[in-house]
Amino acid sequence: MNKPIQAVSTPTTYTCGNCGSEINIVSTTQASANLDVCSNCHPAYTGIESKQASGSKVDSFNNRYKTKG
């Protein structure tokens, strides 16, 4: 009878490249990894929007093709 093959799980540290916070979880693939953003600094979780220097493409389109009424 064959024994089931179990993956070896190891503690893994994910480091956010934006704010530098570390998240510790268990993974089967690697010991450490980097994230672009995490829930501590992502605007969808924090509710803080970043301000852009220029308007959006939608704003520039609307300004270019405004109808005069």
PDB file of N, CA and C in Angstrom:
ATOM      1  N   MET A   1       0.830  -1.168   0.000  1.00  0.00           N
ATOM      2  CA  MET A   1       0.000   0.000   0.000  1.00  0.00           C
ATOM      3  C   MET A   1       0.884   1.244   0.000  1.00  0.00           C
ATOM      4  N   ASN A   2       0.532   2.233  -0.831  1.00  0.00           N
ATOM      5  CA  ASN A   2       1.312   3.462  -0.940  1.00  0.00           C
ATOM      6  C   ASN A   2       0.869   4.470   0.106  1.00  0.00           C
ATOM      7  N   LYS A   3       1.854   5.178   0.663  1.00  0.00           N
ATOM      8  CA  LYS A   3       1.555   6.249   1.603  1.00  0.00           C
ATOM      9  C   LYS A   3       1.256   7.519   0.822  1.00  0.00           C
ATOM     10  N   PRO A   4       0.335   8.353   1.292  1.00  0.00           N
ATOM     11  CA  PRO A   4       0.081   9.628   0.599  1.00  0.00           C
ATOM     12  C   PRO A   4       1.299  10.540   0.718  1.00  0.00           C
ATOM     13  N   ILE A   5       1.548  11.290  -0.336  1.00  0.00           N
ATOM     14  CA  ILE A   5       2.664  12.221  -0.353  1.00  0.00           C
ATOM     15  C   ILE A   5       2.198  13.543   0.252  1.00  0.00           C
ATOM     16  N   GLN A   6       2.886  13.979   1.286  1.00  0.00           N
ATOM     17  CA  GLN A   6       2.553  15.232   1.952  1.00  0.00           C
ATOM     18  C   GLN A   6       3.604  16.275   1.614  1.00  0.00           C
ATOM     19  N   ALA A   7       3.166  17.473   1.327  1.00  0.00           N
ATOM     20  CA  ALA A   7       4.085  18.575   1.091  1.00  0.00           C
ATOM     21  C   ALA A   7       4.629  19.062   2.434  1.00  0.00           C
ATOM     22  N   VAL A   8       5.867  19.460   2.445  1.00  0.00           N
ATOM     23  CA  VAL A   8       6.489  19.967   3.663  1.00  0.00           C
ATOM     24  C   VAL A   8       6.193  21.460   3.769  1.00  0.00           C
ATOM     25  N   SER A   9       5.559  21.852   4.867  1.00  0.00           N
ATOM     26  CA  SER A   9       5.234  23.256   5.049  1.00  0.00           C
ATOM     27  C   SER A   9       6.276  23.909   5.946  1.00  0.00           C
ATOM     28  N   THR A  10       6.680  25.121   5.566  1.00  0.00           N
ATOM     29  CA  THR A  10       7.686  25.868   6.318  1.00  0.00           C
ATOM     30  C   THR A  10       7.163  27.275   6.591  1.00  0.00           C
ATOM     31  N   PRO A  11       7.614  27.891   7.675  1.00  0.00           N
ATOM     32  CA  PRO A  11       7.229  29.284   7.924  1.00  0.00           C
ATOM     33  C   PRO A  11       7.790  30.189   6.831  1.00  0.00           C
ATOM     34  N   THR A  12       6.961  31.101   6.329  1.00  0.00           N
ATOM     35  CA  THR A  12       7.357  31.991   5.247  1.00  0.00           C
ATOM     36  C   THR A  12       7.107  33.435   5.661  1.00  0.00           C
ATOM     37  N   THR A  13       8.058  34.301   5.345  1.00  0.00           N
ATOM     38  CA  THR A  13       7.925  35.725   5.621  1.00  0.00           C
ATOM     39  C   THR A  13       7.747  36.466   4.310  1.00  0.00           C
ATOM     40  N   TYR A  14       6.609  37.155   4.168  1.00  0.00           N
ATOM     41  CA  TYR A  14       6.348  38.012   3.016  1.00  0.00           C
ATOM     42  C   TYR A  14       6.620  39.448   3.437  1.00  0.00           C
ATOM     43  N   THR A  15       7.443  40.156   2.670  1.00  0.00           N
ATOM     44  CA  THR A  15       7.805  41.534   2.972  1.00  0.00           C
ATOM     45  C   THR A  15       7.199  42.456   1.929  1.00  0.00           C
ATOM     46  N   CYS A  16       6.492  43.492   2.394  1.00  0.00           N
ATOM     47  CA  CYS A  16       5.875  44.465   1.493  1.00  0.00           C
ATOM     48  C   CYS A  16       6.950  45.422   0.994  1.00  0.00           C
ATOM     49  N   GLY A  17       7.021  45.609  -0.315  1.00  0.00           N
ATOM     50  CA  GLY A  17       7.997  46.510  -0.895  1.00  0.00           C
ATOM     51  C   GLY A  17       7.615  47.973  -0.757  1.00  0.00           C
ATOM     52  N   ASN A  18       6.343  48.243  -0.477  1.00  0.00           N
ATOM     53  CA  ASN A  18       5.870  49.620  -0.371  1.00  0.00           C
ATOM     54  C   ASN A  18       6.039  50.179   1.036  1.00  0.00           C
ATOM     55  N   CYS A  19       5.555  49.469   2.057  1.00  0.00           N
ATOM     56  CA  CYS A  19       5.612  49.994   3.420  1.00  0.00           C
ATOM     57  C   CYS A  19       6.598  49.249   4.310  1.00  0.00           C
ATOM     58  N   GLY A  20       7.095  48.095   3.882  1.00  0.00           N
ATOM     59  CA  GLY A  20       8.097  47.362   4.646  1.00  0.00           C
ATOM     60  C   GLY A  20       7.548  46.439   5.715  1.00  0.00           C
ATOM     61  N   SER A  21       6.234  46.303   5.826  1.00  0.00           N
ATOM     62  CA  SER A  21       5.687  45.413   6.849  1.00  0.00           C
ATOM     63  C   SER A  21       5.922  43.958   6.456  1.00  0.00           C
ATOM     64  N   GLU A  22       6.002  43.099   7.475  1.00  0.00           N
ATOM     65  CA  GLU A  22       6.244  41.681   7.253  1.00  0.00           C
ATOM     66  C   GLU A  22       5.028  40.879   7.664  1.00  0.00           C
ATOM     67  N   ILE A  23       4.685  39.879   6.846  1.00  0.00           N
ATOM     68  CA  ILE A  23       3.556  39.001   7.101  1.00  0.00           C
ATOM     69  C   ILE A  23       4.104  37.593   7.197  1.00  0.00           C
ATOM     70  N   ASN A  24       3.848  36.906   8.300  1.00  0.00           N
ATOM     71  CA  ASN A  24       4.339  35.550   8.508  1.00  0.00           C
ATOM     72  C   ASN A  24       3.207  34.562   8.305  1.00  0.00           C
ATOM     73  N   ILE A  25       3.387  33.630   7.366  1.00  0.00           N
ATOM     74  CA  ILE A  25       2.410  32.577   7.104  1.00  0.00           C
ATOM     75  C   ILE A  25       3.163  31.268   6.882  1.00  0.00           C
ATOM     76  N   VAL A  26       2.448  30.202   6.614  1.00  0.00           N
ATOM     77  CA  VAL A  26       3.047  28.909   6.320  1.00  0.00           C
ATOM     78  C   VAL A  26       2.884  28.643   4.831  1.00  0.00           C
ATOM     79  N   SER A  27       3.971  28.226   4.178  1.00  0.00           N
ATOM     80  CA  SER A  27       3.957  27.963   2.748  1.00  0.00           C
ATOM     81  C   SER A  27       4.666  26.648   2.463  1.00  0.00           C
ATOM     82  N   THR A  28       4.363  26.076   1.329  1.00  0.00           N
ATOM     83  CA  THR A  28       5.027  24.840   0.933  1.00  0.00           C
ATOM     84  C   THR A  28       6.077  25.063  -0.140  1.00  0.00           C
ATOM     85  N   THR A  29       6.230  26.300  -0.607  1.00  0.00           N
ATOM     86  CA  THR A  29       7.112  26.525  -1.742  1.00  0.00           C
ATOM     87  C   THR A  29       8.392  27.270  -1.420  1.00  0.00           C
ATOM     88  N   GLN A  30       8.352  28.278  -0.541  1.00  0.00           N
ATOM     89  CA  GLN A  30       9.538  29.100  -0.342  1.00  0.00           C
ATOM     90  C   GLN A  30       9.610  29.612   1.091  1.00  0.00           C
ATOM     91  N   ALA A  31      10.804  30.080   1.481  1.00  0.00           N
ATOM     92  CA  ALA A  31      11.005  30.557   2.850  1.00  0.00           C
ATOM     93  C   ALA A  31      10.749  32.048   2.984  1.00  0.00           C
ATOM     94  N   SER A  32      10.897  32.829   1.896  1.00  0.00           N
ATOM     95  CA  SER A  32      10.624  34.262   1.953  1.00  0.00           C
ATOM     96  C   SER A  32      10.205  34.742   0.572  1.00  0.00           C
ATOM     97  N   ALA A  33       9.471  35.847   0.554  1.00  0.00           N
ATOM     98  CA  ALA A  33       9.006  36.411  -0.715  1.00  0.00           C
ATOM     99  C   ALA A  33       8.748  37.896  -0.527  1.00  0.00           C
ATOM    100  N   ASN A  34       8.654  38.614  -1.634  1.00  0.00           N
ATOM    101  CA  ASN A  34       8.377  40.049  -1.617  1.00  0.00           C
ATOM    102  C   ASN A  34       7.018  40.323  -2.235  1.00  0.00           C
ATOM    103  N   LEU A  35       6.323  41.299  -1.680  1.00  0.00           N
ATOM    104  CA  LEU A  35       5.034  41.747  -2.199  1.00  0.00           C
ATOM    105  C   LEU A  35       5.173  43.162  -2.731  1.00  0.00           C
ATOM    106  N   ASP A  36       4.361  43.523  -3.723  1.00  0.00           N
ATOM    107  CA  ASP A  36       4.349  44.906  -4.209  1.00  0.00           C
ATOM    108  C   ASP A  36       3.638  45.807  -3.207  1.00  0.00           C
ATOM    109  N   VAL A  37       2.440  45.429  -2.798  1.00  0.00           N
ATOM    110  CA  VAL A  37       1.675  46.158  -1.788  1.00  0.00           C
ATOM    111  C   VAL A  37       0.996  45.141  -0.882  1.00  0.00           C
ATOM    112  N   CYS A  38       0.617  45.580   0.303  1.00  0.00           N
ATOM    113  CA  CYS A  38      -0.077  44.697   1.240  1.00  0.00           C
ATOM    114  C   CYS A  38      -1.354  45.384   1.717  1.00  0.00           C
ATOM    115  N   SER A  39      -2.075  44.735   2.609  1.00  0.00           N
ATOM    116  CA  SER A  39      -3.336  45.307   3.089  1.00  0.00           C
ATOM    117  C   SER A  39      -3.111  46.507   3.998  1.00  0.00           C
ATOM    118  N   ASN A  40      -1.887  46.711   4.492  1.00  0.00           N
ATOM    119  CA  ASN A  40      -1.608  47.880   5.337  1.00  0.00           C
ATOM    120  C   ASN A  40      -1.449  49.156   4.527  1.00  0.00           C
ATOM    121  N   CYS A  41      -1.075  49.043   3.243  1.00  0.00           N
ATOM    122  CA  CYS A  41      -0.801  50.256   2.465  1.00  0.00           C
ATOM    123  C   CYS A  41      -1.592  50.331   1.153  1.00  0.00           C
ATOM    124  N   HIS A  42      -2.392  49.330   0.812  1.00  0.00           N
ATOM    125  CA  HIS A  42      -3.165  49.360  -0.424  1.00  0.00           C
ATOM    126  C   HIS A  42      -4.378  50.266  -0.259  1.00  0.00           C
ATOM    127  N   PRO A  43      -4.642  51.152  -1.231  1.00  0.00           N
ATOM    128  CA  PRO A  43      -5.763  52.102  -1.106  1.00  0.00           C
ATOM    129  C   PRO A  43      -7.128  51.435  -0.955  1.00  0.00           C
ATOM    130  N   ALA A  44      -7.321  50.247  -1.481  1.00  0.00           N
ATOM    131  CA  ALA A  44      -8.612  49.581  -1.361  1.00  0.00           C
ATOM    132  C   ALA A  44      -8.889  49.179   0.092  1.00  0.00           C
ATOM    133  N   TYR A  45      -7.852  48.910   0.869  1.00  0.00           N
ATOM    134  CA  TYR A  45      -8.024  48.521   2.269  1.00  0.00           C
ATOM    135  C   TYR A  45      -7.952  49.716   3.211  1.00  0.00           C
ATOM    136  N   THR A  46      -7.121  50.705   2.884  1.00  0.00           N
ATOM    137  CA  THR A  46      -6.936  51.836   3.787  1.00  0.00           C
ATOM    138  C   THR A  46      -7.963  52.935   3.571  1.00  0.00           C
ATOM    139  N   GLY A  47      -8.517  53.047   2.367  1.00  0.00           N
ATOM    140  CA  GLY A  47      -9.475  54.103   2.064  1.00  0.00           C
ATOM    141  C   GLY A  47      -8.823  55.421   1.721  1.00  0.00           C
ATOM    142  N   ILE A  48      -7.509  55.449   1.657  1.00  0.00           N
ATOM    143  CA  ILE A  48      -6.778  56.672   1.325  1.00  0.00           C
ATOM    144  C   ILE A  48      -6.369  56.595  -0.135  1.00  0.00           C
ATOM    145  N   GLU A  49      -6.821  57.564  -0.914  1.00  0.00           N
ATOM    146  CA  GLU A  49      -6.483  57.586  -2.335  1.00  0.00           C
ATOM    147  C   GLU A  49      -5.241  58.422  -2.553  1.00  0.00           C
ATOM    148  N   SER A  50      -4.397  57.990  -3.477  1.00  0.00           N
ATOM    149  CA  SER A  50      -3.224  58.783  -3.814  1.00  0.00           C
ATOM    150  C   SER A  50      -3.639  59.862  -4.818  1.00  0.00           C
ATOM    151  N   LYS A  51      -3.055  61.027  -4.680  1.00  0.00           N
ATOM    152  CA  LYS A  51      -3.386  62.128  -5.572  1.00  0.00           C
ATOM    153  C   LYS A  51      -2.456  62.098  -6.771  1.00  0.00           C
ATOM    154  N   GLN A  52      -3.031  62.240  -7.946  1.00  0.00           N
ATOM    155  CA  GLN A  52      -2.244  62.234  -9.167  1.00  0.00           C
ATOM    156  C   GLN A  52      -1.916  63.666  -9.561  1.00  0.00           C
ATOM    157  N   ALA A  53      -0.772  63.840 -10.201  1.00  0.00           N
ATOM    158  CA  ALA A  53      -0.343  65.174 -10.604  1.00  0.00           C
ATOM    159  C   ALA A  53      -1.227  65.726 -11.715  1.00  0.00           C
ATOM    160  N   SER A  54      -1.674  64.867 -12.608  1.00  0.00           N
ATOM    161  CA  SER A  54      -2.524  65.322 -13.706  1.00  0.00           C
ATOM    162  C   SER A  54      -3.860  64.596 -13.637  1.00  0.00           C
ATOM    163  N   GLY A  55      -4.814  65.085 -14.418  1.00  0.00           N
ATOM    164  CA  GLY A  55      -6.127  64.466 -14.453  1.00  0.00           C
ATOM    165  C   GLY A  55      -6.084  63.101 -15.122  1.00  0.00           C
ATOM    166  N   SER A  56      -7.163  62.379 -15.001  1.00  0.00           N
ATOM    167  CA  SER A  56      -7.217  61.051 -15.595  1.00  0.00           C
ATOM    168  C   SER A  56      -7.468  61.147 -17.095  1.00  0.00           C
ATOM    169  N   LYS A  57      -7.337  60.038 -17.768  1.00  0.00           N
ATOM    170  CA  LYS A  57      -7.587  59.998 -19.210  1.00  0.00           C
ATOM    171  C   LYS A  57      -9.052  60.276 -19.520  1.00  0.00           C
ATOM    172  N   VAL A  58      -9.940  59.865 -18.624  1.00  0.00           N
ATOM    173  CA  VAL A  58     -11.364  60.129 -18.820  1.00  0.00           C
ATOM    174  C   VAL A  58     -11.627  61.627 -18.750  1.00  0.00           C
ATOM    175  N   ASP A  59     -10.989  62.307 -17.786  1.00  0.00           N
ATOM    176  CA  ASP A  59     -11.154  63.765 -17.671  1.00  0.00           C
ATOM    177  C   ASP A  59     -10.629  64.481 -18.906  1.00  0.00           C
ATOM    178  N   SER A  60      -9.472  64.062 -19.401  1.00  0.00           N
ATOM    179  CA  SER A  60      -8.928  64.726 -20.587  1.00  0.00           C
ATOM    180  C   SER A  60      -9.803  64.463 -21.813  1.00  0.00           C
ATOM    181  N   PHE A  61     -10.395  63.277 -21.912  1.00  0.00           N
ATOM    182  CA  PHE A  61     -11.308  62.973 -23.010  1.00  0.00           C
ATOM    183  C   PHE A  61     -12.554  63.855 -22.921  1.00  0.00           C
ATOM    184  N   ASN A  62     -13.119  63.938 -21.714  1.00  0.00           N
ATOM    185  CA  ASN A  62     -14.333  64.742 -21.541  1.00  0.00           C
ATOM    186  C   ASN A  62     -14.063  66.214 -21.815  1.00  0.00           C
ATOM    187  N   ASN A  63     -12.904  66.713 -21.405  1.00  0.00           N
ATOM    188  CA  ASN A  63     -12.569  68.120 -21.676  1.00  0.00           C
ATOM    189  C   ASN A  63     -12.359  68.374 -23.163  1.00  0.00           C
ATOM    190  N   ARG A  64     -11.786  67.413 -23.840  1.00  0.00           N
ATOM    191  CA  ARG A  64     -11.505  67.576 -25.277  1.00  0.00           C
ATOM    192  C   ARG A  64     -12.788  67.561 -26.094  1.00  0.00           C
ATOM    193  N   TYR A  65     -13.736  66.706 -25.733  1.00  0.00           N
ATOM    194  CA  TYR A  65     -14.939  66.520 -26.534  1.00  0.00           C
ATOM    195  C   TYR A  65     -16.189  67.039 -25.826  1.00  0.00           C
ATOM    196  N   LYS A  66     -16.067  68.106 -25.067  1.00  0.00           N
ATOM    197  CA  LYS A  66     -17.208  68.699 -24.386  1.00  0.00           C
ATOM    198  C   LYS A  66     -18.217  69.230 -25.395  1.00  0.00           C
ATOM    199  N   THR A  67     -19.470  68.993 -25.117  1.00  0.00           N
ATOM    200  CA  THR A  67     -20.504  69.601 -25.968  1.00  0.00           C
ATOM    201  C   THR A  67     -20.940  70.900 -25.314  1.00  0.00           C
ATOM    202  N   LYS A  68     -21.135  71.889 -26.113  1.00  0.00           N
ATOM    203  CA  LYS A  68     -21.555  73.187 -25.595  1.00  0.00           C
ATOM    204  C   LYS A  68     -23.072  73.215 -25.551  1.00  0.00           C
ATOM    205  N   GLY A  69     -23.613  73.503 -24.400  1.00  0.00           N
ATOM    206  CA  GLY A  69     -25.048  73.436 -24.271  1.00  0.00           C
ATOM    207  C   GLY A  69     -25.673  74.591 -23.738  1.00  0.00           C
TER     208      GLY A  69
END
